[in-house]
């Protein structure tokens, strides 16, 4: 990297994200050098498997006490799913597949993966500028005002601009989900507002496909 911000711009349960600039020789197709580098937290794997061992021990005790309790999954299948969750190579694969599924879509995009800079603990993808969707949907607008208050409930008016932006964004999110469910049969499993961004170029960017 020519530049790498040591302070992460975001951090979650599994990993944290740093902003960086690629050296010219590592630039991917499209020529973008600004990237997001996702790095898995130390000790995540060992701590995760300790937690699952405790979980199944508790389930065994409860199941023995009540005799009628059954788990919808076994320990091995649960651990395999967890292993994929903490392996960033799987997230890279998912991003590449989503990029293929949504190829040609004008309003939706997924980060492009720098495939030569991916490992189980590191994922490098294109940087996207924009506003996180959860912030947009909690925005009230500059001319927000309480019109009437009755029985403890406030009736509110939003600015037309904010209301229209939210309506268009909600439609894009809905259409994207329907395509995943009904056409692609391949679904993003963690589509909350923090993993969606209204990009500055007018598209909806989708992150965290692990």
N, C-alpha and C. Protein backbone atom coordinates (compact mmCIF):
# COMPACT_ATOMS: atom_id res chain seq x y z
N UNK A 1 0.83 -1.20 0.00
CA UNK A 1 0.00 0.00 0.00
C UNK A 1 0.87 1.25 0.00
N UNK A 2 0.43 2.28 -0.74
CA UNK A 2 1.09 3.58 -0.67
C UNK A 2 0.66 4.35 0.56
N UNK A 3 -0.55 4.08 1.04
CA UNK A 3 -1.05 4.72 2.26
C UNK A 3 -2.01 3.76 2.95
N UNK A 4 -2.00 3.81 4.27
CA UNK A 4 -2.86 2.91 5.06
C UNK A 4 -3.21 3.61 6.36
N UNK A 5 -4.51 3.87 6.57
CA UNK A 5 -4.96 4.53 7.79
C UNK A 5 -5.02 3.52 8.92
N UNK A 6 -4.23 3.73 9.95
CA UNK A 6 -4.16 2.76 11.05
C UNK A 6 -5.43 2.75 11.90
N UNK A 7 -6.10 3.89 11.99
CA UNK A 7 -7.35 3.95 12.76
C UNK A 7 -8.48 3.42 11.88
N UNK A 8 -9.19 2.38 12.32
CA UNK A 8 -10.26 1.83 11.48
C UNK A 8 -11.43 2.79 11.31
N UNK A 9 -12.07 2.73 10.14
CA UNK A 9 -13.25 3.54 9.88
C UNK A 9 -14.52 2.85 10.37
N UNK A 10 -14.43 1.54 10.60
CA UNK A 10 -15.57 0.77 11.11
C UNK A 10 -15.04 -0.50 11.76
N UNK A 11 -15.83 -1.02 12.69
CA UNK A 11 -15.43 -2.25 13.37
C UNK A 11 -16.67 -3.03 13.77
N UNK A 12 -16.62 -4.35 13.56
CA UNK A 12 -17.73 -5.21 13.91
C UNK A 12 -17.27 -6.37 14.78
N UNK A 13 -18.12 -7.38 14.89
CA UNK A 13 -17.81 -8.53 15.74
C UNK A 13 -16.63 -9.33 15.20
N UNK A 14 -16.57 -9.49 13.87
CA UNK A 14 -15.57 -10.35 13.26
C UNK A 14 -14.31 -9.57 12.85
N UNK A 15 -14.49 -8.37 12.31
CA UNK A 15 -13.36 -7.68 11.70
C UNK A 15 -13.51 -6.17 11.81
N UNK A 16 -12.45 -5.47 11.40
CA UNK A 16 -12.48 -4.02 11.33
C UNK A 16 -12.01 -3.59 9.94
N UNK A 17 -12.38 -2.36 9.54
CA UNK A 17 -12.12 -1.90 8.18
C UNK A 17 -11.22 -0.66 8.21
N UNK A 18 -10.20 -0.67 7.36
CA UNK A 18 -9.27 0.44 7.24
C UNK A 18 -9.32 0.99 5.81
N UNK A 19 -9.10 2.28 5.69
CA UNK A 19 -9.02 2.92 4.37
C UNK A 19 -7.56 2.91 3.92
N UNK A 20 -7.32 2.63 2.63
CA UNK A 20 -5.95 2.52 2.14
C UNK A 20 -5.89 2.89 0.66
N UNK A 21 -4.65 3.12 0.18
CA UNK A 21 -4.37 3.40 -1.22
C UNK A 21 -3.43 2.32 -1.74
N UNK A 22 -3.84 1.64 -2.79
CA UNK A 22 -3.02 0.58 -3.36
C UNK A 22 -1.82 1.15 -4.11
N UNK A 23 -0.73 0.40 -4.10
CA UNK A 23 0.37 0.70 -5.01
C UNK A 23 -0.10 0.48 -6.45
N UNK A 24 0.44 1.24 -7.40
CA UNK A 24 -0.02 1.14 -8.80
C UNK A 24 -0.01 -0.28 -9.36
N UNK A 25 0.98 -1.08 -8.95
CA UNK A 25 1.08 -2.44 -9.51
C UNK A 25 -0.01 -3.38 -9.01
N UNK A 26 -0.76 -2.96 -7.99
CA UNK A 26 -1.83 -3.81 -7.46
C UNK A 26 -3.22 -3.32 -7.85
N UNK A 27 -3.30 -2.29 -8.64
CA UNK A 27 -4.60 -1.73 -9.04
C UNK A 27 -5.36 -2.75 -9.89
N UNK A 28 -6.66 -2.89 -9.59
CA UNK A 28 -7.50 -3.84 -10.29
C UNK A 28 -8.11 -3.20 -11.54
N UNK A 29 -8.89 -3.99 -12.27
CA UNK A 29 -9.58 -3.49 -13.45
C UNK A 29 -10.47 -2.30 -13.05
N UNK A 30 -10.41 -1.25 -13.82
CA UNK A 30 -11.16 -0.05 -13.50
C UNK A 30 -10.26 1.05 -12.97
N UNK A 31 -9.08 0.68 -12.48
CA UNK A 31 -8.08 1.66 -12.11
C UNK A 31 -8.24 2.31 -10.76
N UNK A 32 -9.19 1.86 -9.94
CA UNK A 32 -9.39 2.49 -8.63
C UNK A 32 -8.33 2.03 -7.64
N UNK A 33 -7.64 2.99 -7.03
CA UNK A 33 -6.58 2.66 -6.06
C UNK A 33 -7.06 2.76 -4.62
N UNK A 34 -8.12 3.52 -4.38
CA UNK A 34 -8.63 3.68 -3.02
C UNK A 34 -9.44 2.45 -2.64
N UNK A 35 -9.07 1.81 -1.53
CA UNK A 35 -9.70 0.55 -1.15
C UNK A 35 -10.06 0.53 0.33
N UNK A 36 -10.94 -0.40 0.66
CA UNK A 36 -11.25 -0.73 2.05
C UNK A 36 -10.58 -2.06 2.36
N UNK A 37 -9.83 -2.12 3.44
CA UNK A 37 -9.14 -3.35 3.84
C UNK A 37 -9.79 -3.86 5.12
N UNK A 38 -10.42 -5.01 5.00
CA UNK A 38 -11.11 -5.63 6.13
C UNK A 38 -10.18 -6.65 6.76
N UNK A 39 -9.92 -6.49 8.06
CA UNK A 39 -8.97 -7.35 8.77
C UNK A 39 -9.67 -8.03 9.94
N UNK A 40 -9.56 -9.33 9.99
CA UNK A 40 -10.21 -10.10 11.06
C UNK A 40 -9.54 -9.81 12.40
N UNK A 41 -10.36 -9.68 13.44
CA UNK A 41 -9.82 -9.45 14.78
C UNK A 41 -8.99 -10.65 15.24
N UNK A 42 -7.91 -10.39 15.99
CA UNK A 42 -7.15 -11.51 16.57
C UNK A 42 -8.02 -12.33 17.53
N UNK A 43 -7.80 -13.61 17.56
CA UNK A 43 -8.43 -14.52 18.52
C UNK A 43 -9.93 -14.74 18.26
N UNK A 44 -10.45 -14.22 17.16
CA UNK A 44 -11.88 -14.41 16.87
C UNK A 44 -12.22 -15.88 16.75
N UNK A 45 -11.40 -16.64 16.06
CA UNK A 45 -11.70 -18.06 15.82
C UNK A 45 -11.72 -18.84 17.13
N UNK A 46 -10.68 -18.70 17.94
CA UNK A 46 -10.62 -19.46 19.19
C UNK A 46 -11.76 -19.06 20.12
N UNK A 47 -12.06 -17.78 20.21
CA UNK A 47 -13.15 -17.33 21.08
C UNK A 47 -14.50 -17.81 20.58
N UNK A 48 -14.67 -17.84 19.25
CA UNK A 48 -15.95 -18.28 18.68
C UNK A 48 -16.22 -19.73 19.01
N UNK A 49 -15.21 -20.59 18.89
CA UNK A 49 -15.43 -22.00 19.12
C UNK A 49 -15.58 -22.32 20.60
N UNK A 50 -14.96 -21.53 21.47
CA UNK A 50 -15.22 -21.68 22.90
C UNK A 50 -16.68 -21.36 23.20
N UNK A 51 -17.18 -20.28 22.57
CA UNK A 51 -18.57 -19.87 22.77
C UNK A 51 -19.54 -20.95 22.29
N UNK A 52 -19.26 -21.57 21.16
CA UNK A 52 -20.17 -22.61 20.65
C UNK A 52 -20.15 -23.84 21.55
N UNK A 53 -18.98 -24.16 22.09
CA UNK A 53 -18.91 -25.30 23.01
C UNK A 53 -19.80 -25.06 24.23
N UNK A 54 -19.73 -23.85 24.78
CA UNK A 54 -20.58 -23.50 25.92
C UNK A 54 -22.05 -23.53 25.53
N UNK A 55 -22.35 -23.04 24.32
CA UNK A 55 -23.74 -23.01 23.84
C UNK A 55 -24.33 -24.42 23.80
N UNK A 56 -23.60 -25.35 23.22
CA UNK A 56 -24.13 -26.70 23.09
C UNK A 56 -24.17 -27.44 24.42
N UNK A 57 -23.26 -27.10 25.33
CA UNK A 57 -23.34 -27.69 26.66
C UNK A 57 -24.61 -27.24 27.37
N UNK A 58 -24.95 -25.96 27.23
CA UNK A 58 -26.20 -25.45 27.83
C UNK A 58 -27.40 -26.10 27.19
N UNK A 59 -27.40 -26.24 25.85
CA UNK A 59 -28.51 -26.88 25.15
C UNK A 59 -28.68 -28.34 25.60
N UNK A 60 -27.57 -29.02 25.82
CA UNK A 60 -27.64 -30.42 26.28
C UNK A 60 -28.29 -30.50 27.65
N UNK A 61 -27.92 -29.56 28.55
CA UNK A 61 -28.49 -29.56 29.90
C UNK A 61 -29.99 -29.27 29.84
N UNK A 62 -30.38 -28.26 29.05
CA UNK A 62 -31.79 -27.91 28.94
C UNK A 62 -32.58 -29.04 28.31
N UNK A 63 -32.00 -29.63 27.25
CA UNK A 63 -32.68 -30.74 26.59
C UNK A 63 -32.87 -31.93 27.51
N UNK A 64 -31.87 -32.21 28.34
CA UNK A 64 -31.97 -33.32 29.29
C UNK A 64 -33.03 -33.02 30.35
N UNK A 65 -33.11 -31.76 30.79
CA UNK A 65 -34.06 -31.39 31.84
C UNK A 65 -35.49 -31.46 31.35
N UNK A 66 -35.73 -31.03 30.12
CA UNK A 66 -37.11 -30.97 29.62
C UNK A 66 -37.46 -32.13 28.71
N UNK A 67 -36.46 -32.84 28.21
CA UNK A 67 -36.63 -34.07 27.43
C UNK A 67 -37.32 -33.87 26.09
N UNK A 68 -37.96 -32.75 25.87
CA UNK A 68 -38.69 -32.55 24.61
C UNK A 68 -38.03 -31.50 23.73
N UNK A 69 -36.94 -30.90 24.21
CA UNK A 69 -36.29 -29.85 23.46
C UNK A 69 -35.35 -30.46 22.42
N UNK A 70 -35.48 -29.99 21.18
CA UNK A 70 -34.57 -30.45 20.12
C UNK A 70 -33.99 -29.23 19.41
N UNK A 71 -32.79 -29.38 18.92
CA UNK A 71 -32.12 -28.29 18.21
C UNK A 71 -32.34 -28.46 16.71
N UNK A 72 -32.57 -27.35 15.97
CA UNK A 72 -32.78 -27.46 14.51
C UNK A 72 -31.50 -27.70 13.73
N UNK A 73 -30.37 -27.79 14.41
CA UNK A 73 -29.09 -28.02 13.76
C UNK A 73 -28.20 -28.81 14.71
N UNK A 74 -27.19 -29.49 14.13
CA UNK A 74 -26.24 -30.19 14.99
C UNK A 74 -24.96 -29.36 15.11
N UNK A 75 -24.11 -29.77 16.02
CA UNK A 75 -22.92 -28.98 16.33
C UNK A 75 -22.00 -28.85 15.12
N UNK A 76 -21.82 -29.92 14.37
CA UNK A 76 -20.90 -29.88 13.23
C UNK A 76 -21.37 -28.91 12.15
N UNK A 77 -22.66 -28.96 11.80
CA UNK A 77 -23.17 -28.07 10.76
C UNK A 77 -23.13 -26.62 11.22
N UNK A 78 -23.40 -26.38 12.50
CA UNK A 78 -23.32 -25.03 13.05
C UNK A 78 -21.89 -24.51 12.98
N UNK A 79 -20.93 -25.34 13.34
CA UNK A 79 -19.52 -24.92 13.30
C UNK A 79 -19.04 -24.68 11.88
N UNK A 80 -19.54 -25.46 10.92
CA UNK A 80 -19.16 -25.23 9.52
C UNK A 80 -19.68 -23.88 9.04
N UNK A 81 -20.91 -23.55 9.42
CA UNK A 81 -21.48 -22.24 9.06
C UNK A 81 -20.69 -21.11 9.72
N UNK A 82 -20.31 -21.31 10.95
CA UNK A 82 -19.52 -20.31 11.66
C UNK A 82 -18.14 -20.15 11.03
N UNK A 83 -17.56 -21.25 10.58
CA UNK A 83 -16.25 -21.19 9.94
C UNK A 83 -16.28 -20.32 8.69
N UNK A 84 -17.35 -20.44 7.93
CA UNK A 84 -17.49 -19.58 6.75
C UNK A 84 -17.63 -18.12 7.14
N UNK A 85 -18.32 -17.88 8.24
CA UNK A 85 -18.57 -16.51 8.69
C UNK A 85 -17.26 -15.79 9.04
N UNK A 86 -16.28 -16.52 9.57
CA UNK A 86 -15.03 -15.88 9.99
C UNK A 86 -13.92 -16.01 8.94
N UNK A 87 -14.21 -16.65 7.82
CA UNK A 87 -13.23 -16.80 6.75
C UNK A 87 -13.54 -15.75 5.68
N UNK A 88 -12.68 -14.74 5.55
CA UNK A 88 -12.96 -13.63 4.62
C UNK A 88 -12.83 -14.04 3.16
N UNK A 89 -12.26 -15.21 2.89
CA UNK A 89 -12.26 -15.71 1.51
C UNK A 89 -13.68 -16.03 1.05
N UNK A 90 -14.51 -16.49 1.98
CA UNK A 90 -15.91 -16.76 1.64
C UNK A 90 -16.64 -15.45 1.34
N UNK A 91 -16.36 -14.40 2.09
CA UNK A 91 -16.99 -13.11 1.80
C UNK A 91 -16.55 -12.61 0.43
N UNK A 92 -15.27 -12.80 0.10
CA UNK A 92 -14.79 -12.40 -1.23
C UNK A 92 -15.55 -13.15 -2.32
N UNK A 93 -15.75 -14.45 -2.12
CA UNK A 93 -16.51 -15.25 -3.08
C UNK A 93 -17.94 -14.73 -3.23
N UNK A 94 -18.59 -14.44 -2.10
CA UNK A 94 -19.97 -13.94 -2.14
C UNK A 94 -20.04 -12.61 -2.88
N UNK A 95 -19.10 -11.71 -2.62
CA UNK A 95 -19.09 -10.41 -3.31
C UNK A 95 -18.94 -10.59 -4.81
N UNK A 96 -18.07 -11.51 -5.21
CA UNK A 96 -17.88 -11.74 -6.64
C UNK A 96 -19.15 -12.32 -7.28
N UNK A 97 -19.82 -13.21 -6.56
CA UNK A 97 -21.05 -13.79 -7.08
C UNK A 97 -22.16 -12.74 -7.16
N UNK A 98 -22.29 -11.90 -6.13
CA UNK A 98 -23.29 -10.84 -6.17
C UNK A 98 -23.00 -9.85 -7.31
N UNK A 99 -21.73 -9.55 -7.53
CA UNK A 99 -21.38 -8.67 -8.65
C UNK A 99 -21.81 -9.27 -9.98
N UNK A 100 -21.67 -10.59 -10.10
CA UNK A 100 -22.11 -11.27 -11.33
C UNK A 100 -23.63 -11.24 -11.44
N UNK A 101 -24.32 -11.55 -10.34
CA UNK A 101 -25.78 -11.59 -10.37
C UNK A 101 -26.38 -10.22 -10.70
N UNK A 102 -25.72 -9.15 -10.25
CA UNK A 102 -26.26 -7.81 -10.44
C UNK A 102 -25.54 -7.05 -11.55
N UNK A 103 -24.84 -7.77 -12.38
CA UNK A 103 -24.17 -7.16 -13.52
C UNK A 103 -25.20 -6.50 -14.44
N UNK A 104 -24.98 -5.26 -14.78
CA UNK A 104 -25.92 -4.54 -15.63
C UNK A 104 -26.97 -3.76 -14.87
N UNK A 105 -27.06 -3.94 -13.55
CA UNK A 105 -27.99 -3.17 -12.74
C UNK A 105 -27.44 -1.75 -12.54
N UNK A 106 -28.23 -0.75 -12.84
CA UNK A 106 -27.75 0.63 -12.77
C UNK A 106 -27.78 1.19 -11.36
N UNK A 107 -28.66 0.69 -10.50
CA UNK A 107 -28.88 1.32 -9.21
C UNK A 107 -28.26 0.58 -8.03
N UNK A 108 -27.72 -0.61 -8.27
CA UNK A 108 -27.18 -1.43 -7.18
C UNK A 108 -25.77 -1.87 -7.52
N UNK A 109 -24.88 -1.78 -6.54
CA UNK A 109 -23.52 -2.26 -6.77
C UNK A 109 -22.95 -2.88 -5.51
N UNK A 110 -22.01 -3.79 -5.72
CA UNK A 110 -21.26 -4.42 -4.64
C UNK A 110 -19.79 -4.06 -4.83
N UNK A 111 -19.02 -3.92 -3.75
CA UNK A 111 -17.60 -3.63 -3.90
C UNK A 111 -16.90 -4.68 -4.74
N UNK A 112 -15.92 -4.24 -5.53
CA UNK A 112 -15.09 -5.16 -6.31
C UNK A 112 -13.94 -5.67 -5.44
N UNK A 113 -13.66 -6.95 -5.55
CA UNK A 113 -12.64 -7.58 -4.72
C UNK A 113 -11.28 -7.54 -5.42
N UNK A 114 -10.23 -7.16 -4.67
CA UNK A 114 -8.86 -7.28 -5.16
C UNK A 114 -8.42 -8.71 -4.87
N UNK A 115 -8.61 -9.59 -5.82
CA UNK A 115 -8.47 -11.03 -5.58
C UNK A 115 -7.05 -11.44 -5.18
N UNK A 116 -6.04 -10.64 -5.56
CA UNK A 116 -4.66 -10.97 -5.17
C UNK A 116 -4.31 -10.44 -3.79
N UNK A 117 -5.27 -9.81 -3.11
CA UNK A 117 -5.05 -9.29 -1.76
C UNK A 117 -6.14 -9.78 -0.82
N UNK A 118 -6.38 -11.09 -0.88
CA UNK A 118 -7.41 -11.73 -0.06
C UNK A 118 -6.81 -12.95 0.62
N UNK A 119 -7.16 -13.14 1.88
CA UNK A 119 -6.78 -14.35 2.62
C UNK A 119 -7.91 -14.66 3.60
N UNK A 120 -7.72 -15.67 4.42
CA UNK A 120 -8.75 -16.00 5.41
C UNK A 120 -8.98 -14.85 6.38
N UNK A 121 -7.97 -14.03 6.61
CA UNK A 121 -8.08 -12.96 7.61
C UNK A 121 -8.06 -11.56 7.04
N UNK A 122 -7.89 -11.41 5.71
CA UNK A 122 -7.83 -10.09 5.08
C UNK A 122 -8.65 -10.08 3.79
N UNK A 123 -9.43 -9.02 3.62
CA UNK A 123 -10.21 -8.83 2.40
C UNK A 123 -10.00 -7.39 1.93
N UNK A 124 -9.60 -7.23 0.68
CA UNK A 124 -9.39 -5.90 0.10
C UNK A 124 -10.43 -5.68 -0.99
N UNK A 125 -11.16 -4.58 -0.90
CA UNK A 125 -12.23 -4.30 -1.85
C UNK A 125 -12.27 -2.80 -2.16
N UNK A 126 -12.93 -2.43 -3.23
CA UNK A 126 -13.00 -1.03 -3.63
C UNK A 126 -13.69 -0.18 -2.57
N UNK A 127 -13.18 1.03 -2.40
CA UNK A 127 -13.76 1.98 -1.45
C UNK A 127 -14.97 2.65 -2.08
N UNK A 128 -16.00 2.91 -1.27
CA UNK A 128 -17.20 3.59 -1.74
C UNK A 128 -17.50 4.77 -0.83
N UNK A 129 -17.70 5.94 -1.40
CA UNK A 129 -18.10 7.12 -0.64
C UNK A 129 -19.61 7.26 -0.67
N UNK A 130 -20.20 7.66 0.46
CA UNK A 130 -21.64 7.83 0.51
C UNK A 130 -22.14 7.97 1.93
N UNK A 131 -23.45 7.75 2.10
CA UNK A 131 -24.10 7.87 3.40
C UNK A 131 -24.76 6.55 3.76
N UNK A 132 -24.48 6.08 4.96
CA UNK A 132 -25.06 4.81 5.41
C UNK A 132 -26.59 4.94 5.47
N UNK A 133 -27.28 3.92 4.99
CA UNK A 133 -28.74 3.98 4.87
C UNK A 133 -29.43 4.16 6.21
N UNK A 134 -28.91 3.54 7.27
CA UNK A 134 -29.56 3.69 8.57
C UNK A 134 -29.55 5.15 9.03
N UNK A 135 -28.55 5.92 8.60
CA UNK A 135 -28.51 7.34 8.94
C UNK A 135 -29.55 8.12 8.14
N UNK A 136 -29.77 7.71 6.89
CA UNK A 136 -30.75 8.39 6.05
C UNK A 136 -32.16 8.17 6.59
N UNK A 137 -32.47 6.93 6.99
CA UNK A 137 -33.82 6.64 7.45
C UNK A 137 -34.11 7.20 8.84
N UNK A 138 -33.06 7.59 9.56
CA UNK A 138 -33.30 8.25 10.84
C UNK A 138 -33.26 9.78 10.71
N UNK A 139 -32.98 10.27 9.49
CA UNK A 139 -32.91 11.71 9.25
C UNK A 139 -34.32 12.32 9.21
N UNK A 140 -34.48 13.46 9.84
CA UNK A 140 -35.79 14.10 9.90
C UNK A 140 -35.96 15.18 8.85
N UNK A 141 -34.88 15.79 8.42
CA UNK A 141 -34.99 16.88 7.46
C UNK A 141 -34.98 18.23 8.16
N UNK A 142 -34.54 19.24 7.44
CA UNK A 142 -34.32 20.55 8.06
C UNK A 142 -35.61 21.24 8.49
N UNK A 143 -36.71 20.96 7.78
CA UNK A 143 -37.95 21.64 8.15
C UNK A 143 -38.94 20.70 8.84
N UNK A 144 -38.39 19.67 9.49
CA UNK A 144 -39.22 18.79 10.30
C UNK A 144 -39.87 19.57 11.43
N UNK A 145 -41.14 19.30 11.69
CA UNK A 145 -41.82 19.97 12.79
C UNK A 145 -42.97 19.12 13.30
N UNK A 146 -43.27 19.26 14.58
CA UNK A 146 -44.42 18.59 15.17
C UNK A 146 -45.66 19.41 14.85
N UNK A 147 -46.64 18.76 14.21
CA UNK A 147 -47.85 19.47 13.81
C UNK A 147 -48.88 19.44 14.92
N UNK A 148 -49.08 18.29 15.51
CA UNK A 148 -50.11 18.16 16.53
C UNK A 148 -49.71 17.04 17.47
N UNK A 149 -50.03 17.16 18.70
CA UNK A 149 -49.74 16.11 19.66
C UNK A 149 -51.03 15.70 20.34
N UNK A 150 -51.34 14.41 20.25
CA UNK A 150 -52.61 13.92 20.78
C UNK A 150 -52.36 12.57 21.46
N UNK A 151 -52.83 12.46 22.69
CA UNK A 151 -52.69 11.22 23.46
C UNK A 151 -51.23 10.75 23.51
N UNK A 152 -50.32 11.72 23.63
CA UNK A 152 -48.92 11.38 23.78
C UNK A 152 -48.21 11.02 22.49
N UNK A 153 -48.90 11.07 21.36
CA UNK A 153 -48.30 10.70 20.09
C UNK A 153 -48.17 11.94 19.20
N UNK A 154 -46.97 12.18 18.71
CA UNK A 154 -46.74 13.37 17.88
C UNK A 154 -46.98 13.01 16.42
N UNK A 155 -47.68 13.89 15.69
CA UNK A 155 -47.88 13.76 14.26
C UNK A 155 -46.85 14.67 13.59
N UNK A 156 -46.05 14.11 12.70
CA UNK A 156 -44.91 14.85 12.20
C UNK A 156 -44.98 15.04 10.69
N UNK A 157 -44.35 16.10 10.22
CA UNK A 157 -44.26 16.36 8.79
C UNK A 157 -42.78 16.38 8.41
N UNK A 158 -42.43 15.62 7.40
CA UNK A 158 -41.06 15.60 6.91
C UNK A 158 -40.96 16.51 5.69
N UNK A 159 -39.76 16.99 5.42
CA UNK A 159 -39.56 17.76 4.21
C UNK A 159 -39.82 16.86 3.00
N UNK A 160 -40.33 17.44 1.94
CA UNK A 160 -40.63 16.67 0.73
C UNK A 160 -39.38 16.00 0.18
N UNK A 161 -38.24 16.67 0.27
CA UNK A 161 -37.00 16.12 -0.26
C UNK A 161 -36.59 14.86 0.46
N UNK A 162 -36.61 14.90 1.80
CA UNK A 162 -36.23 13.74 2.60
C UNK A 162 -37.21 12.59 2.37
N UNK A 163 -38.51 12.91 2.35
CA UNK A 163 -39.52 11.87 2.15
C UNK A 163 -39.37 11.19 0.80
N UNK A 164 -39.10 11.95 -0.25
CA UNK A 164 -38.95 11.39 -1.59
C UNK A 164 -37.68 10.53 -1.68
N UNK A 165 -36.61 10.99 -1.04
CA UNK A 165 -35.37 10.21 -1.03
C UNK A 165 -35.58 8.86 -0.36
N UNK A 166 -36.28 8.85 0.76
CA UNK A 166 -36.53 7.61 1.49
C UNK A 166 -37.42 6.68 0.67
N UNK A 167 -38.39 7.24 -0.02
CA UNK A 167 -39.31 6.42 -0.82
C UNK A 167 -38.56 5.73 -1.96
N UNK A 168 -37.70 6.47 -2.65
CA UNK A 168 -36.93 5.89 -3.76
C UNK A 168 -35.96 4.82 -3.24
N UNK A 169 -35.33 5.12 -2.12
CA UNK A 169 -34.37 4.18 -1.55
C UNK A 169 -35.06 2.89 -1.10
N UNK A 170 -36.21 3.02 -0.49
CA UNK A 170 -36.96 1.84 -0.03
C UNK A 170 -37.35 0.96 -1.22
N UNK A 171 -37.70 1.57 -2.35
CA UNK A 171 -38.08 0.80 -3.54
C UNK A 171 -36.87 0.02 -4.08
N UNK A 172 -35.71 0.66 -4.11
CA UNK A 172 -34.50 -0.02 -4.59
C UNK A 172 -34.16 -1.21 -3.70
N UNK A 173 -34.23 -1.01 -2.38
CA UNK A 173 -33.94 -2.09 -1.43
C UNK A 173 -34.93 -3.24 -1.60
N UNK A 174 -36.20 -2.91 -1.76
CA UNK A 174 -37.23 -3.95 -1.94
C UNK A 174 -36.98 -4.73 -3.23
N UNK A 175 -36.75 -4.02 -4.34
CA UNK A 175 -36.52 -4.69 -5.62
C UNK A 175 -35.28 -5.58 -5.57
N UNK A 176 -34.24 -5.12 -4.88
CA UNK A 176 -33.02 -5.92 -4.76
C UNK A 176 -33.30 -7.22 -4.01
N UNK A 177 -34.05 -7.14 -2.92
CA UNK A 177 -34.38 -8.34 -2.15
C UNK A 177 -35.21 -9.31 -2.96
N UNK A 178 -36.18 -8.80 -3.71
CA UNK A 178 -37.02 -9.68 -4.52
C UNK A 178 -36.20 -10.38 -5.60
N UNK A 179 -35.22 -9.67 -6.18
CA UNK A 179 -34.36 -10.31 -7.18
C UNK A 179 -33.54 -11.43 -6.53
N UNK A 180 -33.00 -11.17 -5.35
CA UNK A 180 -32.22 -12.20 -4.66
C UNK A 180 -33.07 -13.43 -4.36
N UNK A 181 -34.28 -13.21 -3.84
CA UNK A 181 -35.15 -14.32 -3.43
C UNK A 181 -35.75 -15.06 -4.62
N UNK A 182 -36.27 -14.33 -5.58
CA UNK A 182 -37.10 -14.95 -6.61
C UNK A 182 -36.36 -15.29 -7.89
N UNK A 183 -35.29 -14.57 -8.21
CA UNK A 183 -34.58 -14.82 -9.47
C UNK A 183 -33.24 -15.52 -9.26
N UNK A 184 -32.47 -15.06 -8.28
CA UNK A 184 -31.11 -15.56 -8.13
C UNK A 184 -31.02 -16.76 -7.19
N UNK A 185 -31.95 -16.87 -6.25
CA UNK A 185 -31.89 -17.90 -5.21
C UNK A 185 -30.56 -17.84 -4.47
N UNK A 186 -30.08 -16.61 -4.26
CA UNK A 186 -28.83 -16.38 -3.53
C UNK A 186 -29.00 -15.08 -2.78
N UNK A 187 -29.07 -15.17 -1.45
CA UNK A 187 -29.54 -14.05 -0.64
C UNK A 187 -28.45 -13.54 0.30
N UNK A 188 -28.35 -12.23 0.40
CA UNK A 188 -27.48 -11.61 1.41
C UNK A 188 -28.13 -11.84 2.78
N UNK A 189 -27.37 -12.42 3.72
CA UNK A 189 -27.96 -12.84 4.99
C UNK A 189 -27.95 -11.81 6.09
N UNK A 190 -27.46 -10.59 5.79
CA UNK A 190 -27.33 -9.60 6.87
C UNK A 190 -27.62 -8.20 6.34
N UNK A 191 -28.78 -8.04 5.72
CA UNK A 191 -29.12 -6.77 5.06
C UNK A 191 -29.78 -5.79 6.02
N UNK A 192 -29.01 -5.28 6.96
CA UNK A 192 -29.52 -4.19 7.80
C UNK A 192 -28.99 -2.86 7.28
N UNK A 193 -29.50 -1.76 7.81
CA UNK A 193 -29.16 -0.44 7.30
C UNK A 193 -27.70 -0.07 7.39
N UNK A 194 -26.96 -0.70 8.32
CA UNK A 194 -25.54 -0.42 8.44
C UNK A 194 -24.70 -1.04 7.34
N UNK A 195 -25.25 -2.02 6.61
CA UNK A 195 -24.54 -2.67 5.51
C UNK A 195 -24.97 -2.16 4.15
N UNK A 196 -25.78 -1.10 4.13
CA UNK A 196 -26.23 -0.49 2.88
C UNK A 196 -25.80 0.97 2.88
N UNK A 197 -25.38 1.45 1.71
CA UNK A 197 -24.92 2.84 1.60
C UNK A 197 -25.49 3.48 0.35
N UNK A 198 -26.04 4.68 0.51
CA UNK A 198 -26.43 5.49 -0.63
C UNK A 198 -25.16 6.16 -1.14
N UNK A 199 -24.59 5.61 -2.21
CA UNK A 199 -23.31 6.10 -2.70
C UNK A 199 -23.45 7.47 -3.35
N UNK A 200 -22.35 8.19 -3.36
CA UNK A 200 -22.36 9.54 -3.92
C UNK A 200 -22.67 9.54 -5.42
N UNK A 201 -22.46 8.40 -6.10
CA UNK A 201 -22.75 8.35 -7.54
C UNK A 201 -24.21 8.00 -7.82
N UNK A 202 -25.04 7.92 -6.78
CA UNK A 202 -26.47 7.68 -6.96
C UNK A 202 -26.89 6.24 -6.88
N UNK A 203 -25.96 5.33 -6.67
CA UNK A 203 -26.28 3.90 -6.57
C UNK A 203 -26.45 3.50 -5.10
N UNK A 204 -26.97 2.30 -4.91
CA UNK A 204 -27.04 1.69 -3.58
C UNK A 204 -25.91 0.68 -3.50
N UNK A 205 -24.99 0.88 -2.55
CA UNK A 205 -23.87 -0.03 -2.37
C UNK A 205 -24.17 -0.99 -1.21
N UNK A 206 -23.82 -2.26 -1.40
CA UNK A 206 -24.12 -3.31 -0.42
C UNK A 206 -22.81 -3.91 0.08
N UNK A 207 -22.67 -4.02 1.42
CA UNK A 207 -21.42 -4.49 2.01
C UNK A 207 -21.65 -5.74 2.87
N UNK A 208 -20.56 -6.25 3.42
CA UNK A 208 -20.56 -7.30 4.43
C UNK A 208 -21.34 -8.53 3.98
N UNK A 209 -20.84 -9.16 2.94
CA UNK A 209 -21.52 -10.31 2.33
C UNK A 209 -21.04 -11.64 2.90
N UNK A 210 -20.42 -11.60 4.10
CA UNK A 210 -19.93 -12.84 4.67
C UNK A 210 -21.04 -13.74 5.15
